[in-house]
């Protein structure tokens, strides 16, 4: 138990394999703290300051229930838990936090991010609290936005981003991985260069801003029935390219001619480069002016059409019937 102030200077190293319990004290780190597995650091009623020259390497568990202030670098290889047990767990980041492969970062209270948080490949970040201010979040692993709020200047997703609850906002959002979920994203511009899957089998995703879909990217739409299907609703402008991928959910087979208004916007520019979907249908998209009858394209409508019989087959069929008839006559004779 620590009940006073501990200063770990620039060349200092603290190696922990057991338990560091901060009761009513402060640890000021200018050097290196290595928390090795199965070591635990419990920041219970005090403050852990990691200054600009400091590095914290966590291979065990860090439980933050008060104040963890980072101006240097935190490398998490274990479990970093920002708790709301006392309703005052605060992680203030002015430097860099790296959540590395196999590690978990869990937030149930407040992260004030003025720096950069990197959720690297193989890592998991679960947010059920608040992440605020004008920092940057780079996701190459799995980011689960489950409840609470996430706000940042820029969010870049190159991994898997699951949006299942809470609120999400950013000045800009760039997706080169998989983004899936339902709810509302407030952003100036959402750029999809990966796969965007609105809804959560199925549901609606609203982008309060503009949406750009680049060449080679995918918009994946699930259809569960004629009245239940994924919808991407954009309050601003949409610029389309890339692929529309149609997925039939839970064994649904639409009747030929069934239509689905799966994309609505203030203005739709361009068209999908290609459409792919389950066999047995010819999928088509019409770009329509439905909202204001003002000549502005605001809706993309998907139709499940019957697969047409090739013209060559129509020409071949009478001849085939004629041959069959001749063979019958020959057999009678």
C-alpha atoms as a PDB file:
ATOM      1  CA  UNK A   1       0.000   0.000   0.000  1.00  0.00           C
ATOM      2  CA  UNK A   2       1.256   3.439  -0.929  1.00  0.00           C
ATOM      3  CA  UNK A   3       0.157   6.336   1.281  1.00  0.00           C
ATOM      4  CA  UNK A   4       2.640   8.998   0.212  1.00  0.00           C
ATOM      5  CA  UNK A   5       4.136  10.466  -2.948  1.00  0.00           C
ATOM      6  CA  UNK A   6       6.513   8.325  -4.995  1.00  0.00           C
ATOM      7  CA  UNK A   7       8.616   9.908  -7.729  1.00  0.00           C
ATOM      8  CA  UNK A   8      10.149   7.601 -10.327  1.00  0.00           C
ATOM      9  CA  UNK A   9      12.736   9.762 -12.069  1.00  0.00           C
ATOM     10  CA  UNK A  10      13.821   9.741 -15.726  1.00  0.00           C
ATOM     11  CA  UNK A  11      16.206   6.805 -15.500  1.00  0.00           C
ATOM     12  CA  UNK A  12      14.208   5.023 -12.834  1.00  0.00           C
ATOM     13  CA  UNK A  13      12.526   1.651 -13.330  1.00  0.00           C
ATOM     14  CA  UNK A  14       9.769   0.118 -11.234  1.00  0.00           C
ATOM     15  CA  UNK A  15       9.123  -3.586 -11.865  1.00  0.00           C
ATOM     16  CA  UNK A  16       5.990  -5.025 -10.278  1.00  0.00           C
ATOM     17  CA  UNK A  17       5.027  -8.695 -10.156  1.00  0.00           C
ATOM     18  CA  UNK A  18       2.614  -8.454  -7.251  1.00  0.00           C
ATOM     19  CA  UNK A  19       0.289  -5.735  -6.033  1.00  0.00           C
ATOM     20  CA  UNK A  20       0.637  -1.963  -5.977  1.00  0.00           C
ATOM     21  CA  UNK A  21      -2.258  -0.449  -4.061  1.00  0.00           C
ATOM     22  CA  UNK A  22      -2.551   3.321  -4.108  1.00  0.00           C
ATOM     23  CA  UNK A  23      -4.764   4.317  -1.212  1.00  0.00           C
ATOM     24  CA  UNK A  24      -4.406   8.083  -0.792  1.00  0.00           C
ATOM     25  CA  UNK A  25      -1.176   8.814  -2.542  1.00  0.00           C
ATOM     26  CA  UNK A  26       0.345   9.777  -5.870  1.00  0.00           C
ATOM     27  CA  UNK A  27       2.820   8.067  -8.137  1.00  0.00           C
ATOM     28  CA  UNK A  28       4.672  10.421 -10.478  1.00  0.00           C
ATOM     29  CA  UNK A  29       6.448   8.564 -13.235  1.00  0.00           C
ATOM     30  CA  UNK A  30       9.181  10.151 -15.336  1.00  0.00           C
ATOM     31  CA  UNK A  31      10.900   6.849 -16.081  1.00  0.00           C
ATOM     32  CA  UNK A  32       9.538   3.344 -16.692  1.00  0.00           C
ATOM     33  CA  UNK A  33       6.956   1.280 -14.848  1.00  0.00           C
ATOM     34  CA  UNK A  34       6.712  -2.381 -15.860  1.00  0.00           C
ATOM     35  CA  UNK A  35       3.680  -4.159 -14.466  1.00  0.00           C
ATOM     36  CA  UNK A  36       4.370  -7.809 -15.235  1.00  0.00           C
ATOM     37  CA  UNK A  37       1.769 -10.586 -15.190  1.00  0.00           C
ATOM     38  CA  UNK A  38       0.155 -11.401 -12.802  1.00  0.00           C
ATOM     39  CA  UNK A  39       0.903  -8.019 -11.276  1.00  0.00           C
ATOM     40  CA  UNK A  40      -1.874  -5.564 -10.445  1.00  0.00           C
ATOM     41  CA  UNK A  41      -1.884  -1.814  -9.978  1.00  0.00           C
ATOM     42  CA  UNK A  42      -4.954  -0.563  -8.124  1.00  0.00           C
ATOM     43  CA  UNK A  43      -5.275   3.195  -8.336  1.00  0.00           C
ATOM     44  CA  UNK A  44      -8.029   3.425  -5.757  1.00  0.00           C
ATOM     45  CA  UNK A  45      -8.301   6.896  -4.230  1.00  0.00           C
ATOM     46  CA  UNK A  46      -5.310   8.672  -5.696  1.00  0.00           C
ATOM     47  CA  UNK A  47      -3.484   9.709  -8.842  1.00  0.00           C
ATOM     48  CA  UNK A  48      -1.042   8.024 -11.179  1.00  0.00           C
ATOM     49  CA  UNK A  49       0.780  10.610 -13.290  1.00  0.00           C
ATOM     50  CA  UNK A  50       2.769   9.428 -16.298  1.00  0.00           C
ATOM     51  CA  UNK A  51       4.736  12.450 -17.521  1.00  0.00           C
ATOM     52  CA  UNK A  52       6.016  13.124 -21.052  1.00  0.00           C
ATOM     53  CA  UNK A  53       9.269  11.212 -20.477  1.00  0.00           C
ATOM     54  CA  UNK A  54       7.461   8.326 -18.803  1.00  0.00           C
ATOM     55  CA  UNK A  55       6.445   4.904 -20.093  1.00  0.00           C
ATOM     56  CA  UNK A  56       4.068   2.428 -18.502  1.00  0.00           C
ATOM     57  CA  UNK A  57       4.198  -1.141 -19.830  1.00  0.00           C
ATOM     58  CA  UNK A  58       1.304  -3.198 -18.518  1.00  0.00           C
ATOM     59  CA  UNK A  59       1.318  -6.981 -18.899  1.00  0.00           C
ATOM     60  CA  UNK A  60      -0.963  -7.581 -15.930  1.00  0.00           C
ATOM     61  CA  UNK A  61      -3.918  -5.499 -14.745  1.00  0.00           C
ATOM     62  CA  UNK A  62      -4.347  -1.799 -14.085  1.00  0.00           C
ATOM     63  CA  UNK A  63      -7.548  -0.847 -12.263  1.00  0.00           C
ATOM     64  CA  UNK A  64      -8.074   2.893 -12.364  1.00  0.00           C
ATOM     65  CA  UNK A  65     -10.775   4.167 -10.015  1.00  0.00           C
ATOM     66  CA  UNK A  66      -9.551   7.729  -9.568  1.00  0.00           C
ATOM     67  CA  UNK A  67      -7.121   9.583 -11.877  1.00  0.00           C
ATOM     68  CA  UNK A  68      -4.701   8.184 -14.424  1.00  0.00           C
ATOM     69  CA  UNK A  69      -3.057  11.061 -16.258  1.00  0.00           C
ATOM     70  CA  UNK A  70      -0.884  10.209 -19.248  1.00  0.00           C
ATOM     71  CA  UNK A  71       1.397  12.654 -21.029  1.00  0.00           C
ATOM     72  CA  UNK A  72       3.871  10.023 -22.165  1.00  0.00           C
ATOM     73  CA  UNK A  73       3.182   6.509 -23.425  1.00  0.00           C
ATOM     74  CA  UNK A  74       1.120   3.657 -22.052  1.00  0.00           C
ATOM     75  CA  UNK A  75       1.626   0.252 -23.676  1.00  0.00           C
ATOM     76  CA  UNK A  76      -1.086  -2.173 -22.658  1.00  0.00           C
ATOM     77  CA  UNK A  77      -0.479  -5.876 -23.204  1.00  0.00           C
ATOM     78  CA  UNK A  78      -2.849  -7.003 -20.455  1.00  0.00           C
ATOM     79  CA  UNK A  79      -6.023  -5.447 -19.030  1.00  0.00           C
ATOM     80  CA  UNK A  80      -6.522  -1.726 -18.525  1.00  0.00           C
ATOM     81  CA  UNK A  81      -9.775  -1.076 -16.686  1.00  0.00           C
ATOM     82  CA  UNK A  82     -11.172   2.422 -16.161  1.00  0.00           C
ATOM     83  CA  UNK A  83     -13.759   1.834 -13.453  1.00  0.00           C
ATOM     84  CA  UNK A  84     -16.896   3.675 -12.396  1.00  0.00           C
ATOM     85  CA  UNK A  85     -16.960   2.028  -8.974  1.00  0.00           C
ATOM     86  CA  UNK A  86     -16.650   5.397  -7.202  1.00  0.00           C
ATOM     87  CA  UNK A  87     -18.153   7.327 -10.163  1.00  0.00           C
ATOM     88  CA  UNK A  88     -14.863   9.169 -10.599  1.00  0.00           C
ATOM     89  CA  UNK A  89     -12.626   6.969 -12.706  1.00  0.00           C
ATOM     90  CA  UNK A  90     -10.836   9.382 -15.018  1.00  0.00           C
ATOM     91  CA  UNK A  91      -8.227   8.583 -17.640  1.00  0.00           C
ATOM     92  CA  UNK A  92      -6.835  11.822 -19.066  1.00  0.00           C
ATOM     93  CA  UNK A  93      -4.681  11.177 -22.111  1.00  0.00           C
ATOM     94  CA  UNK A  94      -2.419  13.866 -23.541  1.00  0.00           C
ATOM     95  CA  UNK A  95       0.103  11.414 -24.970  1.00  0.00           C
ATOM     96  CA  UNK A  96      -0.264   8.000 -26.594  1.00  0.00           C
ATOM     97  CA  UNK A  97      -2.048   4.881 -25.421  1.00  0.00           C
ATOM     98  CA  UNK A  98      -1.260   1.689 -27.342  1.00  0.00           C
ATOM     99  CA  UNK A  99      -3.657  -1.192 -26.746  1.00  0.00           C
ATOM    100  CA  UNK A 100      -1.735  -4.118 -28.191  1.00  0.00           C
ATOM    101  CA  UNK A 101      -2.490  -7.608 -29.500  1.00  0.00           C
ATOM    102  CA  UNK A 102      -4.216  -9.797 -26.904  1.00  0.00           C
ATOM    103  CA  UNK A 103      -4.915  -6.830 -24.623  1.00  0.00           C
ATOM    104  CA  UNK A 104      -8.224  -5.377 -23.461  1.00  0.00           C
ATOM    105  CA  UNK A 105      -9.045  -1.770 -22.649  1.00  0.00           C
ATOM    106  CA  UNK A 106     -12.385  -1.328 -20.876  1.00  0.00           C
ATOM    107  CA  UNK A 107     -13.927   2.045 -20.127  1.00  0.00           C
ATOM    108  CA  UNK A 108     -16.883   2.424 -17.776  1.00  0.00           C
ATOM    109  CA  UNK A 109     -16.351   6.034 -16.709  1.00  0.00           C
ATOM    110  CA  UNK A 110     -14.520   8.902 -18.446  1.00  0.00           C
ATOM    111  CA  UNK A 111     -11.622   9.037 -20.878  1.00  0.00           C
ATOM    112  CA  UNK A 112     -10.604  12.578 -21.787  1.00  0.00           C
ATOM    113  CA  UNK A 113      -8.555  12.105 -24.907  1.00  0.00           C
ATOM    114  CA  UNK A 114      -6.447  15.025 -26.102  1.00  0.00           C
ATOM    115  CA  UNK A 115      -3.809  12.760 -27.640  1.00  0.00           C
ATOM    116  CA  UNK A 116      -3.927   9.468 -29.556  1.00  0.00           C
ATOM    117  CA  UNK A 117      -5.377   6.079 -28.696  1.00  0.00           C
ATOM    118  CA  UNK A 118      -4.238   3.196 -30.892  1.00  0.00           C
ATOM    119  CA  UNK A 119      -6.276   0.007 -30.631  1.00  0.00           C
ATOM    120  CA  UNK A 120      -3.885  -2.249 -32.487  1.00  0.00           C
ATOM    121  CA  UNK A 121      -4.449  -5.481 -34.406  1.00  0.00           C
ATOM    122  CA  UNK A 122      -5.576  -8.290 -32.102  1.00  0.00           C
ATOM    123  CA  UNK A 123      -6.632  -5.898 -29.313  1.00  0.00           C
ATOM    124  CA  UNK A 124     -10.119  -5.224 -27.944  1.00  0.00           C
ATOM    125  CA  UNK A 125     -11.540  -1.897 -26.766  1.00  0.00           C
ATOM    126  CA  UNK A 126     -14.920  -1.893 -24.994  1.00  0.00           C
ATOM    127  CA  UNK A 127     -16.514   1.495 -24.360  1.00  0.00           C
ATOM    128  CA  UNK A 128     -19.426   1.746 -21.944  1.00  0.00           C
ATOM    129  CA  UNK A 129     -18.573   5.167 -20.546  1.00  0.00           C
ATOM    130  CA  UNK A 130     -17.539   8.499 -22.029  1.00  0.00           C
ATOM    131  CA  UNK A 131     -14.705   9.239 -24.414  1.00  0.00           C
ATOM    132  CA  UNK A 132     -14.482  12.955 -25.097  1.00  0.00           C
ATOM    133  CA  UNK A 133     -12.525  15.863 -26.572  1.00  0.00           C
ATOM    134  CA  UNK A 134     -10.451  16.456 -29.655  1.00  0.00           C
ATOM    135  CA  UNK A 135      -8.058  13.521 -29.771  1.00  0.00           C
ATOM    136  CA  UNK A 136      -7.539  10.796 -32.358  1.00  0.00           C
ATOM    137  CA  UNK A 137      -8.657   7.171 -32.225  1.00  0.00           C
ATOM    138  CA  UNK A 138      -7.088   4.616 -34.561  1.00  0.00           C
ATOM    139  CA  UNK A 139      -8.657   1.162 -34.560  1.00  0.00           C
ATOM    140  CA  UNK A 140      -6.926  -1.815 -36.137  1.00  0.00           C
ATOM    141  CA  UNK A 141      -8.408  -4.372 -33.767  1.00  0.00           C
ATOM    142  CA  UNK A 142     -11.948  -4.744 -32.403  1.00  0.00           C
ATOM    143  CA  UNK A 143     -13.695  -1.657 -31.060  1.00  0.00           C
ATOM    144  CA  UNK A 144     -17.037  -2.212 -29.342  1.00  0.00           C
ATOM    145  CA  UNK A 145     -19.072   0.939 -28.822  1.00  0.00           C
ATOM    146  CA  UNK A 146     -21.639  -0.596 -26.494  1.00  0.00           C
ATOM    147  CA  UNK A 147     -23.113   2.296 -24.500  1.00  0.00           C
ATOM    148  CA  UNK A 148     -22.195   5.763 -23.321  1.00  0.00           C
ATOM    149  CA  UNK A 149     -20.601   8.151 -25.783  1.00  0.00           C
ATOM    150  CA  UNK A 150     -17.599   8.435 -28.050  1.00  0.00           C
ATOM    151  CA  UNK A 151     -16.479  11.802 -29.397  1.00  0.00           C
ATOM    152  CA  UNK A 152     -13.215  12.535 -31.198  1.00  0.00           C
ATOM    153  CA  UNK A 153     -11.683  14.834 -33.768  1.00  0.00           C
ATOM    154  CA  UNK A 154     -10.898  11.909 -36.050  1.00  0.00           C
ATOM    155  CA  UNK A 155     -11.728   8.217 -35.943  1.00  0.00           C
ATOM    156  CA  UNK A 156      -9.928   5.857 -38.309  1.00  0.00           C
ATOM    157  CA  UNK A 157     -11.153   2.271 -38.467  1.00  0.00           C
ATOM    158  CA  UNK A 158      -9.011  -0.336 -40.181  1.00  0.00           C
ATOM    159  CA  UNK A 159     -10.276  -3.211 -38.049  1.00  0.00           C
ATOM    160  CA  UNK A 160     -13.787  -4.101 -36.881  1.00  0.00           C
ATOM    161  CA  UNK A 161     -15.956  -1.404 -35.338  1.00  0.00           C
ATOM    162  CA  UNK A 162     -19.176  -2.635 -33.703  1.00  0.00           C
ATOM    163  CA  UNK A 163     -21.652   0.160 -32.978  1.00  0.00           C
ATOM    164  CA  UNK A 164     -24.371  -1.365 -30.796  1.00  0.00           C
ATOM    165  CA  UNK A 165     -25.276   1.432 -28.397  1.00  0.00           C
ATOM    166  CA  UNK A 166     -24.652   4.934 -27.129  1.00  0.00           C
ATOM    167  CA  UNK A 167     -23.705   7.924 -29.260  1.00  0.00           C
ATOM    168  CA  UNK A 168     -20.894   8.430 -31.729  1.00  0.00           C
ATOM    169  CA  UNK A 169     -19.494  11.681 -33.108  1.00  0.00           C
ATOM    170  CA  UNK A 170     -16.334  12.818 -34.885  1.00  0.00           C
ATOM    171  CA  UNK A 171     -15.261  15.642 -37.151  1.00  0.00           C
ATOM    172  CA  UNK A 172     -14.322  12.960 -39.673  1.00  0.00           C
ATOM    173  CA  UNK A 173     -14.695   9.195 -39.742  1.00  0.00           C
ATOM    174  CA  UNK A 174     -12.619   7.051 -42.095  1.00  0.00           C
ATOM    175  CA  UNK A 175     -13.442   3.379 -42.542  1.00  0.00           C
ATOM    176  CA  UNK A 176     -11.091   1.012 -44.334  1.00  0.00           C
ATOM    177  CA  UNK A 177     -12.127  -2.049 -42.329  1.00  0.00           C
ATOM    178  CA  UNK A 178     -15.582  -3.265 -41.270  1.00  0.00           C
ATOM    179  CA  UNK A 179     -18.040  -0.891 -39.630  1.00  0.00           C
ATOM    180  CA  UNK A 180     -21.338  -2.413 -38.552  1.00  0.00           C
ATOM    181  CA  UNK A 181     -24.154  -1.256 -36.344  1.00  0.00           C
ATOM    182  CA  UNK A 182     -27.263   0.838 -35.821  1.00  0.00           C
ATOM    183  CA  UNK A 183     -27.784   4.278 -34.368  1.00  0.00           C
ATOM    184  CA  UNK A 184     -26.644   7.781 -35.261  1.00  0.00           C
ATOM    185  CA  UNK A 185     -23.192   9.031 -36.202  1.00  0.00           C
ATOM    186  CA  UNK A 186     -22.701  12.797 -36.118  1.00  0.00           C
ATOM    187  CA  UNK A 187     -19.813  13.638 -38.419  1.00  0.00           C
ATOM    188  CA  UNK A 188     -18.914  16.163 -41.093  1.00  0.00           C
ATOM    189  CA  UNK A 189     -17.925  13.357 -43.422  1.00  0.00           C
ATOM    190  CA  UNK A 190     -17.930   9.561 -43.279  1.00  0.00           C
ATOM    191  CA  UNK A 191     -15.615   8.040 -45.875  1.00  0.00           C
ATOM    192  CA  UNK A 192     -16.104   4.345 -46.556  1.00  0.00           C
ATOM    193  CA  UNK A 193     -13.168   2.650 -48.256  1.00  0.00           C
ATOM    194  CA  UNK A 194     -13.892  -0.713 -46.632  1.00  0.00           C
ATOM    195  CA  UNK A 195     -17.212  -2.352 -45.760  1.00  0.00           C
ATOM    196  CA  UNK A 196     -20.142  -0.544 -44.168  1.00  0.00           C
ATOM    197  CA  UNK A 197     -22.929  -2.778 -42.838  1.00  0.00           C
ATOM    198  CA  UNK A 198     -25.808  -0.659 -41.489  1.00  0.00           C
ATOM    199  CA  UNK A 199     -28.154  -2.097 -38.895  1.00  0.00           C
ATOM    200  CA  UNK A 200     -27.727  -5.001 -36.601  1.00  0.00           C
ATOM    201  CA  UNK A 201     -29.708  -7.665 -38.466  1.00  0.00           C
ATOM    202  CA  UNK A 202     -31.471  -5.587 -39.669  1.00  0.00           C
ATOM    203  CA  UNK A 203     -31.726  -1.935 -38.642  1.00  0.00           C
ATOM    204  CA  UNK A 204     -31.015   1.678 -39.517  1.00  0.00           C
ATOM    205  CA  UNK A 205     -27.779   3.605 -39.419  1.00  0.00           C
ATOM    206  CA  UNK A 206     -28.069   7.390 -39.663  1.00  0.00           C
ATOM    207  CA  UNK A 207     -25.137   9.565 -40.661  1.00  0.00           C
ATOM    208  CA  UNK A 208     -25.720  13.179 -39.687  1.00  0.00           C
ATOM    209  CA  UNK A 209     -23.375  14.598 -42.302  1.00  0.00           C
ATOM    210  CA  UNK A 210     -22.044  13.484 -45.681  1.00  0.00           C
ATOM    211  CA  UNK A 211     -21.177   9.997 -46.897  1.00  0.00           C
ATOM    212  CA  UNK A 212     -18.559   9.049 -49.492  1.00  0.00           C
ATOM    213  CA  UNK A 213     -18.251   5.503 -50.807  1.00  0.00           C
ATOM    214  CA  UNK A 214     -15.037   4.976 -52.735  1.00  0.00           C
ATOM    215  CA  UNK A 215     -14.194   2.638 -55.604  1.00  0.00           C
ATOM    216  CA  UNK A 216     -13.583  -0.883 -54.307  1.00  0.00           C
ATOM    217  CA  UNK A 217     -15.603  -0.388 -51.124  1.00  0.00           C
ATOM    218  CA  UNK A 218     -18.784  -2.202 -50.100  1.00  0.00           C
ATOM    219  CA  UNK A 219     -22.172  -1.250 -48.704  1.00  0.00           C
ATOM    220  CA  UNK A 220     -23.726  -4.444 -47.287  1.00  0.00           C
ATOM    221  CA  UNK A 221     -27.522  -4.505 -46.935  1.00  0.00           C
ATOM    222  CA  UNK A 222     -29.443  -7.331 -45.224  1.00  0.00           C
ATOM    223  CA  UNK A 223     -33.034  -8.084 -46.220  1.00  0.00           C
ATOM    224  CA  UNK A 224     -35.224  -9.855 -43.649  1.00  0.00           C
ATOM    225  CA  UNK A 225     -38.656  -9.169 -45.169  1.00  0.00           C
ATOM    226  CA  UNK A 226     -40.450  -6.713 -47.436  1.00  0.00           C
ATOM    227  CA  UNK A 227     -40.766  -4.304 -44.481  1.00  0.00           C
ATOM    228  CA  UNK A 228     -37.686  -5.201 -42.425  1.00  0.00           C
ATOM    229  CA  UNK A 229     -34.292  -4.499 -43.964  1.00  0.00           C
ATOM    230  CA  UNK A 230     -31.153  -2.431 -43.432  1.00  0.00           C
ATOM    231  CA  UNK A 231     -31.351   1.274 -44.177  1.00  0.00           C
ATOM    232  CA  UNK A 232     -28.569   3.803 -44.498  1.00  0.00           C
ATOM    233  CA  UNK A 233     -30.014   7.269 -43.844  1.00  0.00           C
ATOM    234  CA  UNK A 234     -27.752  10.231 -44.637  1.00  0.00           C
ATOM    235  CA  UNK A 235     -28.872  13.748 -43.771  1.00  0.00           C
ATOM    236  CA  UNK A 236     -26.357  15.361 -46.134  1.00  0.00           C
ATOM    237  CA  UNK A 237     -24.955  14.366 -49.507  1.00  0.00           C
ATOM    238  CA  UNK A 238     -23.946  10.913 -50.716  1.00  0.00           C
ATOM    239  CA  UNK A 239     -21.261  10.196 -53.321  1.00  0.00           C
ATOM    240  CA  UNK A 240     -21.514   6.637 -54.600  1.00  0.00           C
ATOM    241  CA  UNK A 241     -19.080   4.176 -56.167  1.00  0.00           C
ATOM    242  CA  UNK A 242     -17.971   0.686 -55.211  1.00  0.00           C
ATOM    243  CA  UNK A 243     -20.239  -2.298 -54.632  1.00  0.00           C
ATOM    244  CA  UNK A 244     -23.691  -2.890 -53.207  1.00  0.00           C
ATOM    245  CA  UNK A 245     -23.774  -6.313 -51.544  1.00  0.00           C
ATOM    246  CA  UNK A 246     -27.227  -7.809 -50.942  1.00  0.00           C
ATOM    247  CA  UNK A 247     -27.619 -10.393 -48.167  1.00  0.00           C
ATOM    248  CA  UNK A 248     -30.791 -12.393 -47.490  1.00  0.00           C
ATOM    249  CA  UNK A 249     -31.254 -12.697 -43.721  1.00  0.00           C
ATOM    250  CA  UNK A 250     -32.568 -15.767 -41.896  1.00  0.00           C
ATOM    251  CA  UNK A 251     -33.743 -17.650 -44.973  1.00  0.00           C
ATOM    252  CA  UNK A 252     -35.821 -14.834 -46.445  1.00  0.00           C
ATOM    253  CA  UNK A 253     -36.685 -15.203 -50.141  1.00  0.00           C
ATOM    254  CA  UNK A 254     -38.355 -12.104 -51.563  1.00  0.00           C
ATOM    255  CA  UNK A 255     -41.072 -12.405 -54.177  1.00  0.00           C
ATOM    256  CA  UNK A 256     -40.056 -11.201 -57.601  1.00  0.00           C
ATOM    257  CA  UNK A 257     -40.673  -7.483 -57.932  1.00  0.00           C
ATOM    258  CA  UNK A 258     -40.234  -6.688 -54.216  1.00  0.00           C
ATOM    259  CA  UNK A 259     -38.640  -3.274 -53.652  1.00  0.00           C
ATOM    260  CA  UNK A 260     -36.501  -1.951 -50.798  1.00  0.00           C
ATOM    261  CA  UNK A 261     -35.690   1.741 -50.264  1.00  0.00           C
ATOM    262  CA  UNK A 262     -32.385   1.045 -48.530  1.00  0.00           C
ATOM    263  CA  UNK A 263     -30.602   4.389 -48.983  1.00  0.00           C
ATOM    264  CA  UNK A 264     -32.038   7.837 -48.310  1.00  0.00           C
ATOM    265  CA  UNK A 265     -30.189  11.139 -48.355  1.00  0.00           C
ATOM    266  CA  UNK A 266     -30.426  14.852 -48.914  1.00  0.00           C
ATOM    267  CA  UNK A 267     -28.759  14.284 -52.290  1.00  0.00           C
ATOM    268  CA  UNK A 268     -27.346  11.202 -54.006  1.00  0.00           C
ATOM    269  CA  UNK A 269     -24.555  11.655 -56.519  1.00  0.00           C
ATOM    270  CA  UNK A 270     -23.303   8.828 -58.711  1.00  0.00           C
ATOM    271  CA  UNK A 271     -24.217   5.153 -58.725  1.00  0.00           C
ATOM    272  CA  UNK A 272     -22.828   1.864 -57.455  1.00  0.00           C
ATOM    273  CA  UNK A 273     -20.202   0.364 -59.745  1.00  0.00           C
ATOM    274  CA  UNK A 274     -21.648  -3.114 -59.240  1.00  0.00           C
ATOM    275  CA  UNK A 275     -24.338  -5.092 -57.414  1.00  0.00           C
ATOM    276  CA  UNK A 276     -23.874  -8.569 -56.019  1.00  0.00           C
ATOM    277  CA  UNK A 277     -26.484 -10.737 -54.331  1.00  0.00           C
ATOM    278  CA  UNK A 278     -27.856 -14.250 -53.914  1.00  0.00           C
ATOM    279  CA  UNK A 279     -28.455 -16.347 -57.023  1.00  0.00           C
ATOM    280  CA  UNK A 280     -31.952 -16.727 -58.443  1.00  0.00           C
ATOM    281  CA  UNK A 281     -32.528 -12.978 -58.740  1.00  0.00           C
ATOM    282  CA  UNK A 282     -31.497 -10.152 -60.991  1.00  0.00           C
ATOM    283  CA  UNK A 283     -30.822  -7.284 -58.585  1.00  0.00           C
ATOM    284  CA  UNK A 284     -31.244  -3.722 -59.790  1.00  0.00           C
ATOM    285  CA  UNK A 285     -31.120  -0.253 -58.225  1.00  0.00           C
ATOM    286  CA  UNK A 286     -33.163   2.763 -59.274  1.00  0.00           C
ATOM    287  CA  UNK A 287     -32.132   6.252 -58.193  1.00  0.00           C
ATOM    288  CA  UNK A 288     -35.281   8.240 -57.451  1.00  0.00           C
ATOM    289  CA  UNK A 289     -36.599  11.627 -56.408  1.00  0.00           C
ATOM    290  CA  UNK A 290     -39.150  10.726 -53.729  1.00  0.00           C
ATOM    291  CA  UNK A 291     -38.743  13.233 -50.912  1.00  0.00           C
ATOM    292  CA  UNK A 292     -39.508  16.558 -52.554  1.00  0.00           C
ATOM    293  CA  UNK A 293     -40.323  15.935 -56.221  1.00  0.00           C
ATOM    294  CA  UNK A 294     -37.774  18.640 -56.955  1.00  0.00           C
ATOM    295  CA  UNK A 295     -35.506  16.779 -59.339  1.00  0.00           C
ATOM    296  CA  UNK A 296     -33.015  15.908 -56.573  1.00  0.00           C
ATOM    297  CA  UNK A 297     -32.132  12.221 -56.301  1.00  0.00           C
ATOM    298  CA  UNK A 298     -32.693  11.291 -52.665  1.00  0.00           C
ATOM    299  CA  UNK A 299     -33.533   7.566 -52.614  1.00  0.00           C
ATOM    300  CA  UNK A 300     -31.897   4.388 -53.879  1.00  0.00           C
ATOM    301  CA  UNK A 301     -34.404   1.572 -54.416  1.00  0.00           C
ATOM    302  CA  UNK A 302     -33.354  -2.057 -54.713  1.00  0.00           C
ATOM    303  CA  UNK A 303     -35.572  -4.495 -56.629  1.00  0.00           C
ATOM    304  CA  UNK A 304     -35.440  -8.288 -56.617  1.00  0.00           C
ATOM    305  CA  UNK A 305     -36.209  -9.149 -60.253  1.00  0.00           C
ATOM    306  CA  UNK A 306     -36.824 -12.477 -61.933  1.00  0.00           C
ATOM    307  CA  UNK A 307     -33.845 -13.800 -63.836  1.00  0.00           C
ATOM    308  CA  UNK A 308     -34.692 -13.317 -67.540  1.00  0.00           C
ATOM    309  CA  UNK A 309     -34.415 -16.243 -69.931  1.00  0.00           C
ATOM    310  CA  UNK A 310     -31.596 -15.596 -72.419  1.00  0.00           C
ATOM    311  CA  UNK A 311     -32.765 -14.753 -75.942  1.00  0.00           C
ATOM    312  CA  UNK A 312     -30.698 -17.569 -77.413  1.00  0.00           C
ATOM    313  CA  UNK A 313     -32.636 -20.042 -75.292  1.00  0.00           C
ATOM    314  CA  UNK A 314     -35.954 -18.752 -76.688  1.00  0.00           C
ATOM    315  CA  UNK A 315     -34.620 -19.316 -80.215  1.00  0.00           C
ATOM    316  CA  UNK A 316     -33.320 -22.753 -79.345  1.00  0.00           C
ATOM    317  CA  UNK A 317     -36.518 -23.968 -77.645  1.00  0.00           C
ATOM    318  CA  UNK A 318     -38.810 -24.202 -80.760  1.00  0.00           C
ATOM    319  CA  UNK A 319     -36.162 -26.139 -82.618  1.00  0.00           C
ATOM    320  CA  UNK A 320     -35.763 -28.514 -79.696  1.00  0.00           C
ATOM    321  CA  UNK A 321     -39.521 -29.096 -79.579  1.00  0.00           C
ATOM    322  CA  UNK A 322     -39.530 -29.765 -83.324  1.00  0.00           C
ATOM    323  CA  UNK A 323     -36.830 -32.392 -82.994  1.00  0.00           C
ATOM    324  CA  UNK A 324     -38.738 -34.087 -80.176  1.00  0.00           C
ATOM    325  CA  UNK A 325     -41.884 -34.158 -82.346  1.00  0.00           C
ATOM    326  CA  UNK A 326     -40.021 -35.714 -85.285  1.00  0.00           C
ATOM    327  CA  UNK A 327     -38.551 -38.413 -83.042  1.00  0.00           C
ATOM    328  CA  UNK A 328     -42.043 -39.269 -81.804  1.00  0.00           C
ATOM    329  CA  UNK A 329     -43.367 -39.604 -85.386  1.00  0.00           C
ATOM    330  CA  UNK A 330     -40.410 -41.785 -86.372  1.00  0.00           C
ATOM    331  CA  UNK A 331     -41.068 -44.106 -83.445  1.00  0.00           C
ATOM    332  CA  UNK A 332     -44.779 -44.422 -84.398  1.00  0.00           C
ATOM    333  CA  UNK A 333     -43.904 -45.438 -87.953  1.00  0.00           C
END
